[in-house]
C-alpha atoms as a PDB file:
ATOM      1  CA  UNK A   1       1.607  29.438  31.339  1.00  0.00           C
ATOM      2  CA  UNK A   2      -1.452  28.985  29.075  1.00  0.00           C
ATOM      3  CA  UNK A   3      -2.874  32.349  29.650  1.00  0.00           C
ATOM      4  CA  UNK A   4       0.739  33.609  28.636  1.00  0.00           C
ATOM      5  CA  UNK A   5       0.416  31.688  25.337  1.00  0.00           C
ATOM      6  CA  UNK A   6      -2.794  33.239  24.535  1.00  0.00           C
ATOM      7  CA  UNK A   7      -1.499  36.771  25.173  1.00  0.00           C
ATOM      8  CA  UNK A   8       1.252  36.303  22.728  1.00  0.00           C
ATOM      9  CA  UNK A   9      -1.006  35.016  19.729  1.00  0.00           C
ATOM     10  CA  UNK A  10      -3.244  38.049  20.455  1.00  0.00           C
ATOM     11  CA  UNK A  11      -0.330  40.381  20.390  1.00  0.00           C
ATOM     12  CA  UNK A  12       1.351  38.704  17.518  1.00  0.00           C
ATOM     13  CA  UNK A  13      -2.220  38.766  15.421  1.00  0.00           C
ATOM     14  CA  UNK A  14      -2.449  42.398  16.341  1.00  0.00           C
ATOM     15  CA  UNK A  15       0.976  43.567  15.338  1.00  0.00           C
ATOM     16  CA  UNK A  16       0.709  41.835  11.973  1.00  0.00           C
ATOM     17  CA  UNK A  17      -2.991  43.312  11.181  1.00  0.00           C
ATOM     18  CA  UNK A  18      -1.358  46.724  11.860  1.00  0.00           C
ATOM     19  CA  UNK A  19       1.632  46.261   9.939  1.00  0.00           C
ATOM     20  CA  UNK A  20       2.377  47.647   6.532  1.00  0.00           C
ATOM     21  CA  UNK A  21       4.581  44.338   5.486  1.00  0.00           C
ATOM     22  CA  UNK A  22       3.141  42.568   2.633  1.00  0.00           C
ATOM     23  CA  UNK A  23       3.394  38.875   2.647  1.00  0.00           C
ATOM     24  CA  UNK A  24       1.743  35.943   0.441  1.00  0.00           C
ATOM     25  CA  UNK A  25       0.985  32.367   1.113  1.00  0.00           C
ATOM     26  CA  UNK A  26       2.849  29.378  -0.821  1.00  0.00           C
ATOM     27  CA  UNK A  27       2.059  25.477  -1.008  1.00  0.00           C
ATOM     28  CA  UNK A  28       5.083  23.344  -0.243  1.00  0.00           C
ATOM     29  CA  UNK A  29       5.403  19.861  -0.562  1.00  0.00           C
ATOM     30  CA  UNK A  30       6.806  18.400   2.652  1.00  0.00           C
ATOM     31  CA  UNK A  31       8.068  14.672   2.704  1.00  0.00           C
ATOM     32  CA  UNK A  32       6.923  12.919   5.637  1.00  0.00           C
ATOM     33  CA  UNK A  33       9.054  10.335   7.566  1.00  0.00           C
ATOM     34  CA  UNK A  34       8.641   6.793   6.647  1.00  0.00           C
ATOM     35  CA  UNK A  35       7.362   4.288   9.166  1.00  0.00           C
ATOM     36  CA  UNK A  36      10.475   1.714   7.762  1.00  0.00           C
ATOM     37  CA  UNK A  37      13.071   3.367   5.681  1.00  0.00           C
ATOM     38  CA  UNK A  38      13.744   0.932   2.848  1.00  0.00           C
ATOM     39  CA  UNK A  39      16.075   3.176   1.238  1.00  0.00           C
ATOM     40  CA  UNK A  40      18.741   2.196   3.907  1.00  0.00           C
ATOM     41  CA  UNK A  41      19.469  -0.862   2.245  1.00  0.00           C
ATOM     42  CA  UNK A  42      21.432  -1.470  -0.988  1.00  0.00           C
ATOM     43  CA  UNK A  43      19.550  -4.359  -2.066  1.00  0.00           C
ATOM     44  CA  UNK A  44      15.839  -5.977  -1.838  1.00  0.00           C
ATOM     45  CA  UNK A  45      15.316  -9.566  -2.719  1.00  0.00           C
ATOM     46  CA  UNK A  46      11.858 -10.532  -3.333  1.00  0.00           C
ATOM     47  CA  UNK A  47      11.182 -14.132  -2.717  1.00  0.00           C
ATOM     48  CA  UNK A  48       8.290 -16.182  -2.828  1.00  0.00           C
ATOM     49  CA  UNK A  49       5.091 -15.897  -0.660  1.00  0.00           C
ATOM     50  CA  UNK A  50       3.451 -18.281   1.463  1.00  0.00           C
ATOM     51  CA  UNK A  51       0.178 -18.949  -0.055  1.00  0.00           C
ATOM     52  CA  UNK A  52      -2.738 -19.866   1.885  1.00  0.00           C
ATOM     53  CA  UNK A  53      -4.831 -21.199  -1.017  1.00  0.00           C
ATOM     54  CA  UNK A  54      -3.523 -21.763  -4.696  1.00  0.00           C
ATOM     55  CA  UNK A  55      -5.516 -20.216  -7.331  1.00  0.00           C
ATOM     56  CA  UNK A  56      -6.543 -22.006 -10.660  1.00  0.00           C
ATOM     57  CA  UNK A  57      -6.625 -19.316 -12.820  1.00  0.00           C
ATOM     58  CA  UNK A  58      -2.990 -18.051 -12.686  1.00  0.00           C
ATOM     59  CA  UNK A  59       0.283 -18.207 -10.790  1.00  0.00           C
ATOM     60  CA  UNK A  60      -0.274 -16.039  -7.972  1.00  0.00           C
ATOM     61  CA  UNK A  61       3.128 -16.462  -6.383  1.00  0.00           C
ATOM     62  CA  UNK A  62       4.945 -15.485  -9.996  1.00  0.00           C
ATOM     63  CA  UNK A  63       2.602 -12.678 -10.593  1.00  0.00           C
ATOM     64  CA  UNK A  64       3.301 -11.187  -6.833  1.00  0.00           C
ATOM     65  CA  UNK A  65       6.937 -11.289  -7.330  1.00  0.00           C
ATOM     66  CA  UNK A  66       6.857  -9.850 -10.902  1.00  0.00           C
ATOM     67  CA  UNK A  67       4.579  -7.085 -10.022  1.00  0.00           C
ATOM     68  CA  UNK A  68       6.485  -5.890  -6.981  1.00  0.00           C
ATOM     69  CA  UNK A  69       9.908  -6.485  -8.467  1.00  0.00           C
ATOM     70  CA  UNK A  70       8.831  -3.765 -11.439  1.00  0.00           C
ATOM     71  CA  UNK A  71       7.392  -1.502  -8.959  1.00  0.00           C
ATOM     72  CA  UNK A  72      10.236  -1.432  -6.656  1.00  0.00           C
ATOM     73  CA  UNK A  73      12.692  -0.804  -9.386  1.00  0.00           C
ATOM     74  CA  UNK A  74      10.905   2.273 -10.366  1.00  0.00           C
ATOM     75  CA  UNK A  75      10.447   3.496  -6.968  1.00  0.00           C
ATOM     76  CA  UNK A  76      13.242   2.405  -4.982  1.00  0.00           C
ATOM     77  CA  UNK A  77      17.169   3.590  -5.047  1.00  0.00           C
ATOM     78  CA  UNK A  78      18.242  -0.088  -3.962  1.00  0.00           C
ATOM     79  CA  UNK A  79      18.942  -2.968  -6.562  1.00  0.00           C
ATOM     80  CA  UNK A  80      16.101  -5.146  -6.778  1.00  0.00           C
ATOM     81  CA  UNK A  81      16.102  -8.798  -7.559  1.00  0.00           C
ATOM     82  CA  UNK A  82      13.986 -12.002  -6.932  1.00  0.00           C
ATOM     83  CA  UNK A  83      14.713 -15.425  -5.590  1.00  0.00           C
ATOM     84  CA  UNK A  84      12.515 -18.619  -5.745  1.00  0.00           C
ATOM     85  CA  UNK A  85      12.425 -20.459  -2.470  1.00  0.00           C
ATOM     86  CA  UNK A  86      10.087 -22.931  -0.914  1.00  0.00           C
ATOM     87  CA  UNK A  87       8.071 -22.041   2.082  1.00  0.00           C
ATOM     88  CA  UNK A  88       6.474 -25.237   3.627  1.00  0.00           C
ATOM     89  CA  UNK A  89       4.476 -23.439   6.361  1.00  0.00           C
ATOM     90  CA  UNK A  90       4.050 -20.006   8.199  1.00  0.00           C
ATOM     91  CA  UNK A  91       6.523 -20.929  11.034  1.00  0.00           C
ATOM     92  CA  UNK A  92       9.583 -20.253   8.812  1.00  0.00           C
ATOM     93  CA  UNK A  93       9.156 -16.897   9.158  1.00  0.00           C
ATOM     94  CA  UNK A  94      10.339 -17.186  12.740  1.00  0.00           C
ATOM     95  CA  UNK A  95      13.288 -19.227  11.630  1.00  0.00           C
ATOM     96  CA  UNK A  96      16.318 -16.853  11.522  1.00  0.00           C
ATOM     97  CA  UNK A  97      18.779 -19.606  10.139  1.00  0.00           C
ATOM     98  CA  UNK A  98      16.459 -20.360   6.897  1.00  0.00           C
ATOM     99  CA  UNK A  99      16.572 -16.683   6.078  1.00  0.00           C
ATOM    100  CA  UNK A 100      20.069 -16.036   6.706  1.00  0.00           C
ATOM    101  CA  UNK A 101      20.841 -19.065   4.188  1.00  0.00           C
ATOM    102  CA  UNK A 102      18.967 -16.980   1.182  1.00  0.00           C
ATOM    103  CA  UNK A 103      21.655 -14.878   0.642  1.00  0.00           C
ATOM    104  CA  UNK A 104      25.115 -15.699   2.581  1.00  0.00           C
ATOM    105  CA  UNK A 105      27.529 -12.982   3.339  1.00  0.00           C
ATOM    106  CA  UNK A 106      24.843 -10.550   2.536  1.00  0.00           C
ATOM    107  CA  UNK A 107      25.718  -6.749   3.347  1.00  0.00           C
ATOM    108  CA  UNK A 108      22.891  -4.239   3.777  1.00  0.00           C
ATOM    109  CA  UNK A 109      20.284  -6.461   2.004  1.00  0.00           C
ATOM    110  CA  UNK A 110      16.640  -6.893   3.121  1.00  0.00           C
ATOM    111  CA  UNK A 111      14.241  -9.994   1.961  1.00  0.00           C
ATOM    112  CA  UNK A 112      10.893  -8.974   0.798  1.00  0.00           C
ATOM    113  CA  UNK A 113       8.448 -11.808   1.554  1.00  0.00           C
ATOM    114  CA  UNK A 114       5.073 -12.714   3.272  1.00  0.00           C
ATOM    115  CA  UNK A 115       1.833 -14.510   3.144  1.00  0.00           C
ATOM    116  CA  UNK A 116      -0.886 -14.115   0.466  1.00  0.00           C
ATOM    117  CA  UNK A 117      -4.710 -15.188   0.362  1.00  0.00           C
ATOM    118  CA  UNK A 118      -7.009 -14.558  -2.471  1.00  0.00           C
ATOM    119  CA  UNK A 119     -10.338 -15.274  -2.536  1.00  0.00           C
ATOM    120  CA  UNK A 120     -13.123 -15.071  -4.861  1.00  0.00           C
ATOM    121  CA  UNK A 121     -17.046 -14.770  -4.105  1.00  0.00           C
ATOM    122  CA  UNK A 122     -20.244 -14.088  -5.939  1.00  0.00           C
ATOM    123  CA  UNK A 123     -22.840 -12.431  -4.182  1.00  0.00           C
ATOM    124  CA  UNK A 124     -26.347 -11.621  -4.720  1.00  0.00           C
ATOM    125  CA  UNK A 125     -27.682  -8.135  -4.520  1.00  0.00           C
ATOM    126  CA  UNK A 126     -31.075  -6.437  -4.890  1.00  0.00           C
ATOM    127  CA  UNK A 127     -30.811  -3.597  -7.325  1.00  0.00           C
ATOM    128  CA  UNK A 128     -33.242  -1.144  -8.544  1.00  0.00           C
ATOM    129  CA  UNK A 129     -33.710  -0.700 -12.490  1.00  0.00           C
ATOM    130  CA  UNK A 130     -35.671   1.740 -14.709  1.00  0.00           C
ATOM    131  CA  UNK A 131     -38.173   0.381 -17.181  1.00  0.00           C
ATOM    132  CA  UNK A 132     -40.301   2.452 -19.572  1.00  0.00           C
ATOM    133  CA  UNK A 133     -43.941   2.315 -19.304  1.00  0.00           C
ATOM    134  CA  UNK A 134     -46.248   4.550 -21.210  1.00  0.00           C
ATOM    135  CA  UNK A 135     -43.824   7.192 -21.967  1.00  0.00           C
ATOM    136  CA  UNK A 136     -42.758   7.323 -18.185  1.00  0.00           C
ATOM    137  CA  UNK A 137     -40.230   5.369 -16.244  1.00  0.00           C
ATOM    138  CA  UNK A 138     -41.057   3.102 -13.533  1.00  0.00           C
ATOM    139  CA  UNK A 139     -38.472   1.715 -10.934  1.00  0.00           C
ATOM    140  CA  UNK A 140     -38.283  -2.216 -10.726  1.00  0.00           C
ATOM    141  CA  UNK A 141     -36.350  -4.250  -8.408  1.00  0.00           C
ATOM    142  CA  UNK A 142     -34.000  -7.071  -9.859  1.00  0.00           C
ATOM    143  CA  UNK A 143     -31.518  -9.365  -8.210  1.00  0.00           C
ATOM    144  CA  UNK A 144     -28.209  -9.228  -9.950  1.00  0.00           C
ATOM    145  CA  UNK A 145     -24.815 -10.935  -9.099  1.00  0.00           C
ATOM    146  CA  UNK A 146     -21.526  -9.168  -8.180  1.00  0.00           C
ATOM    147  CA  UNK A 147     -18.213 -10.872  -8.230  1.00  0.00           C
ATOM    148  CA  UNK A 148     -15.997  -9.933  -4.946  1.00  0.00           C
ATOM    149  CA  UNK A 149     -12.302 -10.510  -4.986  1.00  0.00           C
ATOM    150  CA  UNK A 150     -10.372 -10.196  -1.727  1.00  0.00           C
ATOM    151  CA  UNK A 151      -6.490  -9.881  -1.462  1.00  0.00           C
ATOM    152  CA  UNK A 152      -4.944 -10.423   2.137  1.00  0.00           C
ATOM    153  CA  UNK A 153      -1.152  -9.841   2.172  1.00  0.00           C
ATOM    154  CA  UNK A 154       1.156  -9.740   5.242  1.00  0.00           C
ATOM    155  CA  UNK A 155       4.369  -8.209   4.517  1.00  0.00           C
ATOM    156  CA  UNK A 156       7.748  -9.381   5.923  1.00  0.00           C
ATOM    157  CA  UNK A 157      10.928  -7.308   5.674  1.00  0.00           C
ATOM    158  CA  UNK A 158      13.745  -9.542   6.943  1.00  0.00           C
ATOM    159  CA  UNK A 159      17.341  -8.609   7.453  1.00  0.00           C
ATOM    160  CA  UNK A 160      19.239 -11.160   5.102  1.00  0.00           C
ATOM    161  CA  UNK A 161      22.285 -11.138   7.359  1.00  0.00           C
ATOM    162  CA  UNK A 162      20.812 -11.726  10.755  1.00  0.00           C
ATOM    163  CA  UNK A 163      17.418 -13.387   9.515  1.00  0.00           C
ATOM    164  CA  UNK A 164      15.477 -10.936  11.885  1.00  0.00           C
ATOM    165  CA  UNK A 165      12.237  -9.583  11.133  1.00  0.00           C
ATOM    166  CA  UNK A 166      12.520  -5.985  10.802  1.00  0.00           C
ATOM    167  CA  UNK A 167       9.251  -4.679   9.749  1.00  0.00           C
ATOM    168  CA  UNK A 168       5.654  -6.450   9.047  1.00  0.00           C
ATOM    169  CA  UNK A 169       2.632  -4.763   7.548  1.00  0.00           C
ATOM    170  CA  UNK A 170      -0.883  -6.581   6.824  1.00  0.00           C
ATOM    171  CA  UNK A 171      -3.271  -5.256   4.092  1.00  0.00           C
ATOM    172  CA  UNK A 172      -6.839  -6.876   3.324  1.00  0.00           C
ATOM    173  CA  UNK A 173      -8.645  -4.958   0.202  1.00  0.00           C
ATOM    174  CA  UNK A 174     -11.711  -5.992  -1.374  1.00  0.00           C
ATOM    175  CA  UNK A 175     -13.193  -5.114  -4.632  1.00  0.00           C
ATOM    176  CA  UNK A 176     -16.670  -5.664  -6.161  1.00  0.00           C
ATOM    177  CA  UNK A 177     -17.345  -5.954 -10.089  1.00  0.00           C
ATOM    178  CA  UNK A 178     -20.526  -5.834 -11.835  1.00  0.00           C
ATOM    179  CA  UNK A 179     -19.381  -7.779 -14.885  1.00  0.00           C
ATOM    180  CA  UNK A 180     -20.119 -11.504 -13.801  1.00  0.00           C
ATOM    181  CA  UNK A 181     -17.345 -12.568 -16.111  1.00  0.00           C
ATOM    182  CA  UNK A 182     -14.582 -10.375 -14.351  1.00  0.00           C
ATOM    183  CA  UNK A 183     -11.377 -12.635 -14.221  1.00  0.00           C
ATOM    184  CA  UNK A 184      -9.302 -13.278 -11.137  1.00  0.00           C
ATOM    185  CA  UNK A 185      -6.246 -12.072 -12.861  1.00  0.00           C
ATOM    186  CA  UNK A 186      -7.676  -8.653 -13.886  1.00  0.00           C
ATOM    187  CA  UNK A 187      -9.012  -7.982 -10.387  1.00  0.00           C
ATOM    188  CA  UNK A 188      -5.876  -9.072  -8.815  1.00  0.00           C
ATOM    189  CA  UNK A 189      -3.830  -6.038 -10.305  1.00  0.00           C
ATOM    190  CA  UNK A 190      -6.693  -3.603  -9.103  1.00  0.00           C
ATOM    191  CA  UNK A 191      -6.098  -4.843  -5.678  1.00  0.00           C
ATOM    192  CA  UNK A 192      -2.280  -4.901  -5.854  1.00  0.00           C
ATOM    193  CA  UNK A 193      -2.292  -1.500  -7.146  1.00  0.00           C
ATOM    194  CA  UNK A 194      -4.114  -0.411  -3.884  1.00  0.00           C
ATOM    195  CA  UNK A 195      -2.020  -2.238  -1.624  1.00  0.00           C
ATOM    196  CA  UNK A 196       1.115  -0.792  -3.410  1.00  0.00           C
ATOM    197  CA  UNK A 197       0.181   2.526  -2.800  1.00  0.00           C
ATOM    198  CA  UNK A 198      -0.424   2.157   0.820  1.00  0.00           C
ATOM    199  CA  UNK A 199       2.670   0.039   1.543  1.00  0.00           C
ATOM    200  CA  UNK A 200       5.028   2.490  -0.354  1.00  0.00           C
ATOM    201  CA  UNK A 201       3.570   5.448   1.531  1.00  0.00           C
ATOM    202  CA  UNK A 202       4.803   3.801   4.958  1.00  0.00           C
ATOM    203  CA  UNK A 203       8.283   2.923   3.656  1.00  0.00           C
ATOM    204  CA  UNK A 204       8.882   5.970   1.670  1.00  0.00           C
ATOM    205  CA  UNK A 205       6.732   8.388   3.548  1.00  0.00           C
ATOM    206  CA  UNK A 206       4.081  10.530   2.263  1.00  0.00           C
ATOM    207  CA  UNK A 207       4.151  13.938   0.655  1.00  0.00           C
ATOM    208  CA  UNK A 208       2.066  16.531   2.434  1.00  0.00           C
ATOM    209  CA  UNK A 209       1.015  19.860   1.608  1.00  0.00           C
ATOM    210  CA  UNK A 210       1.791  22.665   3.989  1.00  0.00           C
ATOM    211  CA  UNK A 211       1.140  26.379   3.771  1.00  0.00           C
ATOM    212  CA  UNK A 212       3.916  28.787   4.428  1.00  0.00           C
ATOM    213  CA  UNK A 213       4.222  32.840   4.516  1.00  0.00           C
ATOM    214  CA  UNK A 214       6.757  34.689   2.541  1.00  0.00           C
ATOM    215  CA  UNK A 215       7.189  38.441   3.551  1.00  0.00           C
ATOM    216  CA  UNK A 216       7.432  40.809   0.231  1.00  0.00           C
ATOM    217  CA  UNK A 217       9.995  43.451   0.299  1.00  0.00           C
END
């Protein structure tokens, strides 16, 4: 069977090379199939996230809700809204009755929620610097501080009618900054953009470029 396929391929190459038919290649954008099709729902409700450690500089929960509400309205077909709720512990994600009560009598509605952890860390690193000595440059070593931020997000897509978890996706992104005075709020939006791009590709599908051959008359 394998030999027959090889023979067919060789014959095809031979006839194409001998043919006088002209053809040209074109690049086409082919949409990929999403892992979880969020556009099957008519409404998306973004709720509070369970925060593992509160931040001092800004309201992490409110920033998450505002950010994803704006992004989803721009990219998804469904109606997008938010709902403030209280999450006392992570065990609530398994409580179907709790989620069914968020939007009673909901139809074709999905709840977007999850857990979040946002950490800040200062690391010291040995870096090389240039120092001018007698019209030449010498390399010198110095210890500099770098400020690192890590955003860990576990997303849950929950059926508002049944309380069942339909889809989960975990992300962990870290970004370092040379500026020792970099703020946690600024870094948060950098990291959120990275998470958003990866998450949206899984629920919307990734557009891929593929080559096709068109025959000229």
